[in-house]
Amino acid sequence: MERIGIRELKENLSRYMKKVRTGQRIIVTDRNNEIAIILPFGKTDGEEKLYQLIQRGTASWSGGIPEGMRNRIVSKGKSVSSAVIEDRR
């Protein structure tokens, strides 16, 4: 992720907006203090919150499938959602 100062952003706004359109995120700084993140429109709130957790070091992600999700349980018969709906009736 690229870090740029406010002055640099103002002087080259079109260039940085092209980068954002391609999916890149840009951190905007003011005297080396991070003040904003410019990201492509259309990201969900959940994605952004997860991204912030990763940035703070609270969460980590190495890419790929999460450890607990690798071995899926395959069952025969009704789906879990069908069983829950039936039980609610």
N, C-alpha and C. Protein backbone atom coordinates (compact mmCIF):
# COMPACT_ATOMS: atom_id res chain seq x y z
N MET A 1 0.84 -1.16 0.00
CA MET A 1 0.00 0.00 0.00
C MET A 1 0.90 1.24 0.00
N GLU A 2 0.52 2.17 -0.80
CA GLU A 2 1.34 3.37 -0.98
C GLU A 2 0.97 4.44 0.04
N ARG A 3 1.97 5.12 0.56
CA ARG A 3 1.77 6.23 1.50
C ARG A 3 2.18 7.53 0.79
N ILE A 4 1.29 8.51 0.85
CA ILE A 4 1.61 9.80 0.23
C ILE A 4 1.20 10.94 1.16
N GLY A 5 1.88 12.06 1.03
CA GLY A 5 1.53 13.25 1.78
C GLY A 5 0.41 14.02 1.10
N ILE A 6 -0.20 14.90 1.86
CA ILE A 6 -1.31 15.69 1.33
C ILE A 6 -0.89 16.51 0.11
N ARG A 7 0.26 17.16 0.18
CA ARG A 7 0.72 17.98 -0.93
C ARG A 7 0.88 17.15 -2.20
N GLU A 8 1.52 15.97 -2.06
CA GLU A 8 1.71 15.08 -3.21
C GLU A 8 0.36 14.66 -3.79
N LEU A 9 -0.59 14.37 -2.92
CA LEU A 9 -1.93 13.98 -3.39
C LEU A 9 -2.59 15.12 -4.16
N LYS A 10 -2.51 16.32 -3.63
CA LYS A 10 -3.12 17.47 -4.30
C LYS A 10 -2.49 17.72 -5.67
N GLU A 11 -1.19 17.58 -5.76
CA GLU A 11 -0.50 17.87 -7.02
C GLU A 11 -0.72 16.80 -8.07
N ASN A 12 -1.00 15.57 -7.66
CA ASN A 12 -1.14 14.46 -8.60
C ASN A 12 -2.41 13.66 -8.37
N LEU A 13 -3.49 14.36 -8.09
CA LEU A 13 -4.74 13.68 -7.74
C LEU A 13 -5.21 12.72 -8.83
N SER A 14 -5.17 13.12 -10.07
CA SER A 14 -5.63 12.25 -11.17
C SER A 14 -4.84 10.95 -11.22
N ARG A 15 -3.55 11.03 -11.05
CA ARG A 15 -2.70 9.84 -11.10
C ARG A 15 -3.06 8.86 -9.97
N TYR A 16 -3.27 9.40 -8.76
CA TYR A 16 -3.61 8.53 -7.64
C TYR A 16 -5.02 7.97 -7.76
N MET A 17 -5.95 8.72 -8.33
CA MET A 17 -7.31 8.21 -8.52
C MET A 17 -7.31 7.06 -9.54
N LYS A 18 -6.44 7.11 -10.53
CA LYS A 18 -6.30 5.99 -11.48
C LYS A 18 -5.84 4.74 -10.74
N LYS A 19 -4.92 4.90 -9.80
CA LYS A 19 -4.45 3.76 -9.02
C LYS A 19 -5.57 3.18 -8.18
N VAL A 20 -6.37 4.06 -7.58
CA VAL A 20 -7.49 3.59 -6.76
C VAL A 20 -8.49 2.83 -7.62
N ARG A 21 -8.74 3.31 -8.83
CA ARG A 21 -9.67 2.61 -9.74
C ARG A 21 -9.23 1.19 -10.05
N THR A 22 -7.92 0.96 -10.02
CA THR A 22 -7.42 -0.39 -10.30
C THR A 22 -7.44 -1.29 -9.07
N GLY A 23 -7.93 -0.75 -7.93
CA GLY A 23 -8.04 -1.56 -6.73
C GLY A 23 -7.02 -1.28 -5.65
N GLN A 24 -6.09 -0.38 -5.91
CA GLN A 24 -5.06 -0.07 -4.91
C GLN A 24 -5.64 0.82 -3.81
N ARG A 25 -5.07 0.70 -2.64
CA ARG A 25 -5.42 1.56 -1.50
C ARG A 25 -4.25 2.50 -1.26
N ILE A 26 -4.58 3.72 -0.86
CA ILE A 26 -3.55 4.73 -0.64
C ILE A 26 -3.74 5.33 0.75
N ILE A 27 -2.66 5.37 1.52
CA ILE A 27 -2.68 6.01 2.83
C ILE A 27 -2.24 7.45 2.65
N VAL A 28 -3.03 8.38 3.17
CA VAL A 28 -2.70 9.80 3.10
C VAL A 28 -2.12 10.21 4.45
N THR A 29 -0.99 10.91 4.39
CA THR A 29 -0.32 11.34 5.62
C THR A 29 -0.24 12.86 5.70
N ASP A 30 -0.12 13.33 6.93
CA ASP A 30 0.11 14.74 7.20
C ASP A 30 1.25 14.80 8.21
N ARG A 31 2.42 15.22 7.76
CA ARG A 31 3.64 15.24 8.59
C ARG A 31 3.93 13.85 9.16
N ASN A 32 3.86 12.84 8.28
CA ASN A 32 4.11 11.43 8.61
C ASN A 32 3.09 10.79 9.54
N ASN A 33 1.98 11.46 9.82
CA ASN A 33 0.89 10.87 10.59
C ASN A 33 -0.20 10.43 9.64
N GLU A 34 -0.57 9.16 9.72
CA GLU A 34 -1.63 8.65 8.85
C GLU A 34 -2.95 9.31 9.22
N ILE A 35 -3.62 9.88 8.21
CA ILE A 35 -4.89 10.57 8.50
C ILE A 35 -6.06 10.00 7.71
N ALA A 36 -5.78 9.28 6.62
CA ALA A 36 -6.88 8.75 5.81
C ALA A 36 -6.40 7.60 4.94
N ILE A 37 -7.38 6.79 4.52
CA ILE A 37 -7.13 5.74 3.54
C ILE A 37 -8.08 5.98 2.38
N ILE A 38 -7.56 6.03 1.19
CA ILE A 38 -8.40 6.12 0.00
C ILE A 38 -8.50 4.72 -0.57
N LEU A 39 -9.74 4.22 -0.71
CA LEU A 39 -9.92 2.88 -1.23
C LEU A 39 -11.02 2.88 -2.27
N PRO A 40 -11.04 1.87 -3.13
CA PRO A 40 -12.05 1.82 -4.19
C PRO A 40 -13.45 1.76 -3.60
N PHE A 41 -14.37 2.47 -4.23
CA PHE A 41 -15.77 2.45 -3.82
C PHE A 41 -16.34 1.07 -4.05
N GLY A 42 -17.24 0.66 -3.19
CA GLY A 42 -17.89 -0.63 -3.36
C GLY A 42 -17.44 -1.67 -2.36
N LYS A 43 -16.45 -1.35 -1.53
CA LYS A 43 -16.04 -2.27 -0.49
C LYS A 43 -17.10 -2.25 0.61
N THR A 44 -17.39 -3.41 1.16
CA THR A 44 -18.37 -3.48 2.23
C THR A 44 -17.78 -2.98 3.53
N ASP A 45 -18.64 -2.61 4.46
CA ASP A 45 -18.17 -2.17 5.77
C ASP A 45 -17.38 -3.28 6.46
N GLY A 46 -17.82 -4.51 6.29
CA GLY A 46 -17.13 -5.64 6.90
C GLY A 46 -15.72 -5.79 6.38
N GLU A 47 -15.55 -5.64 5.08
CA GLU A 47 -14.21 -5.73 4.50
C GLU A 47 -13.31 -4.63 5.04
N GLU A 48 -13.85 -3.43 5.15
CA GLU A 48 -13.04 -2.31 5.63
C GLU A 48 -12.68 -2.49 7.10
N LYS A 49 -13.63 -2.97 7.91
CA LYS A 49 -13.34 -3.20 9.33
C LYS A 49 -12.27 -4.28 9.49
N LEU A 50 -12.38 -5.32 8.69
CA LEU A 50 -11.37 -6.38 8.74
C LEU A 50 -10.01 -5.83 8.33
N TYR A 51 -9.99 -5.03 7.30
CA TYR A 51 -8.74 -4.43 6.84
C TYR A 51 -8.12 -3.57 7.95
N GLN A 52 -8.95 -2.81 8.66
CA GLN A 52 -8.43 -1.97 9.75
C GLN A 52 -7.85 -2.82 10.87
N LEU A 53 -8.50 -3.94 11.20
CA LEU A 53 -7.98 -4.84 12.22
C LEU A 53 -6.61 -5.38 11.82
N ILE A 54 -6.47 -5.73 10.56
CA ILE A 54 -5.18 -6.23 10.06
C ILE A 54 -4.12 -5.14 10.15
N GLN A 55 -4.49 -3.92 9.78
CA GLN A 55 -3.54 -2.80 9.83
C GLN A 55 -3.07 -2.52 11.26
N ARG A 56 -3.98 -2.64 12.24
CA ARG A 56 -3.61 -2.39 13.64
C ARG A 56 -2.81 -3.52 14.25
N GLY A 57 -2.81 -4.67 13.59
CA GLY A 57 -2.10 -5.82 14.13
C GLY A 57 -2.97 -6.68 15.04
N THR A 58 -4.27 -6.34 15.15
CA THR A 58 -5.19 -7.11 15.97
C THR A 58 -5.52 -8.44 15.31
N ALA A 59 -5.56 -8.45 13.99
CA ALA A 59 -5.85 -9.67 13.23
C ALA A 59 -4.75 -9.86 12.19
N SER A 60 -4.63 -11.07 11.72
CA SER A 60 -3.66 -11.33 10.65
C SER A 60 -4.30 -12.25 9.62
N TRP A 61 -3.80 -12.15 8.40
CA TRP A 61 -4.31 -12.99 7.32
C TRP A 61 -3.18 -13.25 6.35
N SER A 62 -2.95 -14.51 6.08
CA SER A 62 -1.87 -14.86 5.17
C SER A 62 -2.40 -15.18 3.77
N GLY A 63 -3.67 -14.98 3.57
CA GLY A 63 -4.29 -15.29 2.29
C GLY A 63 -4.77 -16.73 2.27
N GLY A 64 -5.54 -17.08 1.29
CA GLY A 64 -6.02 -18.45 1.19
C GLY A 64 -7.21 -18.72 2.10
N ILE A 65 -7.47 -19.98 2.31
CA ILE A 65 -8.60 -20.41 3.12
C ILE A 65 -8.20 -20.41 4.59
N PRO A 66 -9.05 -19.84 5.47
CA PRO A 66 -8.72 -19.85 6.90
C PRO A 66 -8.54 -21.27 7.42
N GLU A 67 -7.69 -21.42 8.42
CA GLU A 67 -7.32 -22.73 8.96
C GLU A 67 -8.52 -23.58 9.33
N GLY A 68 -9.49 -23.02 10.02
CA GLY A 68 -10.65 -23.79 10.46
C GLY A 68 -11.61 -24.18 9.35
N MET A 69 -11.45 -23.64 8.17
CA MET A 69 -12.39 -23.88 7.07
C MET A 69 -11.86 -24.88 6.05
N ARG A 70 -10.67 -25.41 6.24
CA ARG A 70 -10.07 -26.27 5.22
C ARG A 70 -10.81 -27.58 5.04
N ASN A 71 -11.15 -28.24 6.11
CA ASN A 71 -11.81 -29.53 6.02
C ASN A 71 -13.30 -29.36 6.30
N ARG A 72 -14.07 -29.28 5.26
CA ARG A 72 -15.50 -29.10 5.41
C ARG A 72 -16.16 -30.42 5.75
N ILE A 73 -17.17 -30.37 6.58
CA ILE A 73 -17.92 -31.56 6.94
C ILE A 73 -19.02 -31.75 5.90
N VAL A 74 -19.08 -32.94 5.34
CA VAL A 74 -20.10 -33.26 4.35
C VAL A 74 -21.12 -34.17 5.03
N SER A 75 -22.37 -33.77 4.97
CA SER A 75 -23.40 -34.58 5.59
C SER A 75 -24.41 -35.02 4.54
N LYS A 76 -25.11 -36.09 4.84
CA LYS A 76 -26.14 -36.59 3.94
C LYS A 76 -27.49 -36.19 4.50
N GLY A 77 -28.44 -36.02 3.64
CA GLY A 77 -29.78 -35.66 4.10
C GLY A 77 -30.01 -34.17 3.98
N LYS A 78 -30.85 -33.66 4.90
CA LYS A 78 -31.25 -32.26 4.85
C LYS A 78 -30.06 -31.34 5.17
N SER A 79 -30.17 -30.14 4.64
CA SER A 79 -29.16 -29.14 4.99
C SER A 79 -29.46 -28.61 6.39
N VAL A 80 -28.48 -28.01 7.00
CA VAL A 80 -28.66 -27.47 8.35
C VAL A 80 -29.75 -26.40 8.34
N SER A 81 -29.75 -25.54 7.32
CA SER A 81 -30.76 -24.48 7.27
C SER A 81 -32.17 -25.06 7.15
N SER A 82 -32.34 -26.13 6.39
CA SER A 82 -33.64 -26.79 6.27
C SER A 82 -34.09 -27.36 7.61
N ALA A 83 -33.17 -27.97 8.34
CA ALA A 83 -33.49 -28.54 9.65
C ALA A 83 -33.89 -27.45 10.64
N VAL A 84 -33.21 -26.31 10.60
CA VAL A 84 -33.54 -25.22 11.49
C VAL A 84 -34.91 -24.68 11.17
N ILE A 85 -35.20 -24.46 9.90
CA ILE A 85 -36.51 -23.96 9.49
C ILE A 85 -37.61 -24.92 9.91
N GLU A 86 -37.39 -26.20 9.71
CA GLU A 86 -38.38 -27.21 10.09
C GLU A 86 -38.59 -27.20 11.60
N ASP A 87 -37.54 -27.04 12.37
CA ASP A 87 -37.63 -27.04 13.82
C ASP A 87 -38.39 -25.81 14.33
N ARG A 88 -38.35 -24.72 13.61
CA ARG A 88 -39.03 -23.48 14.03
C ARG A 88 -40.53 -23.55 13.81
N ARG A 89 -40.98 -24.50 12.99
CA ARG A 89 -42.42 -24.58 12.69
C ARG A 89 -43.18 -25.20 13.79
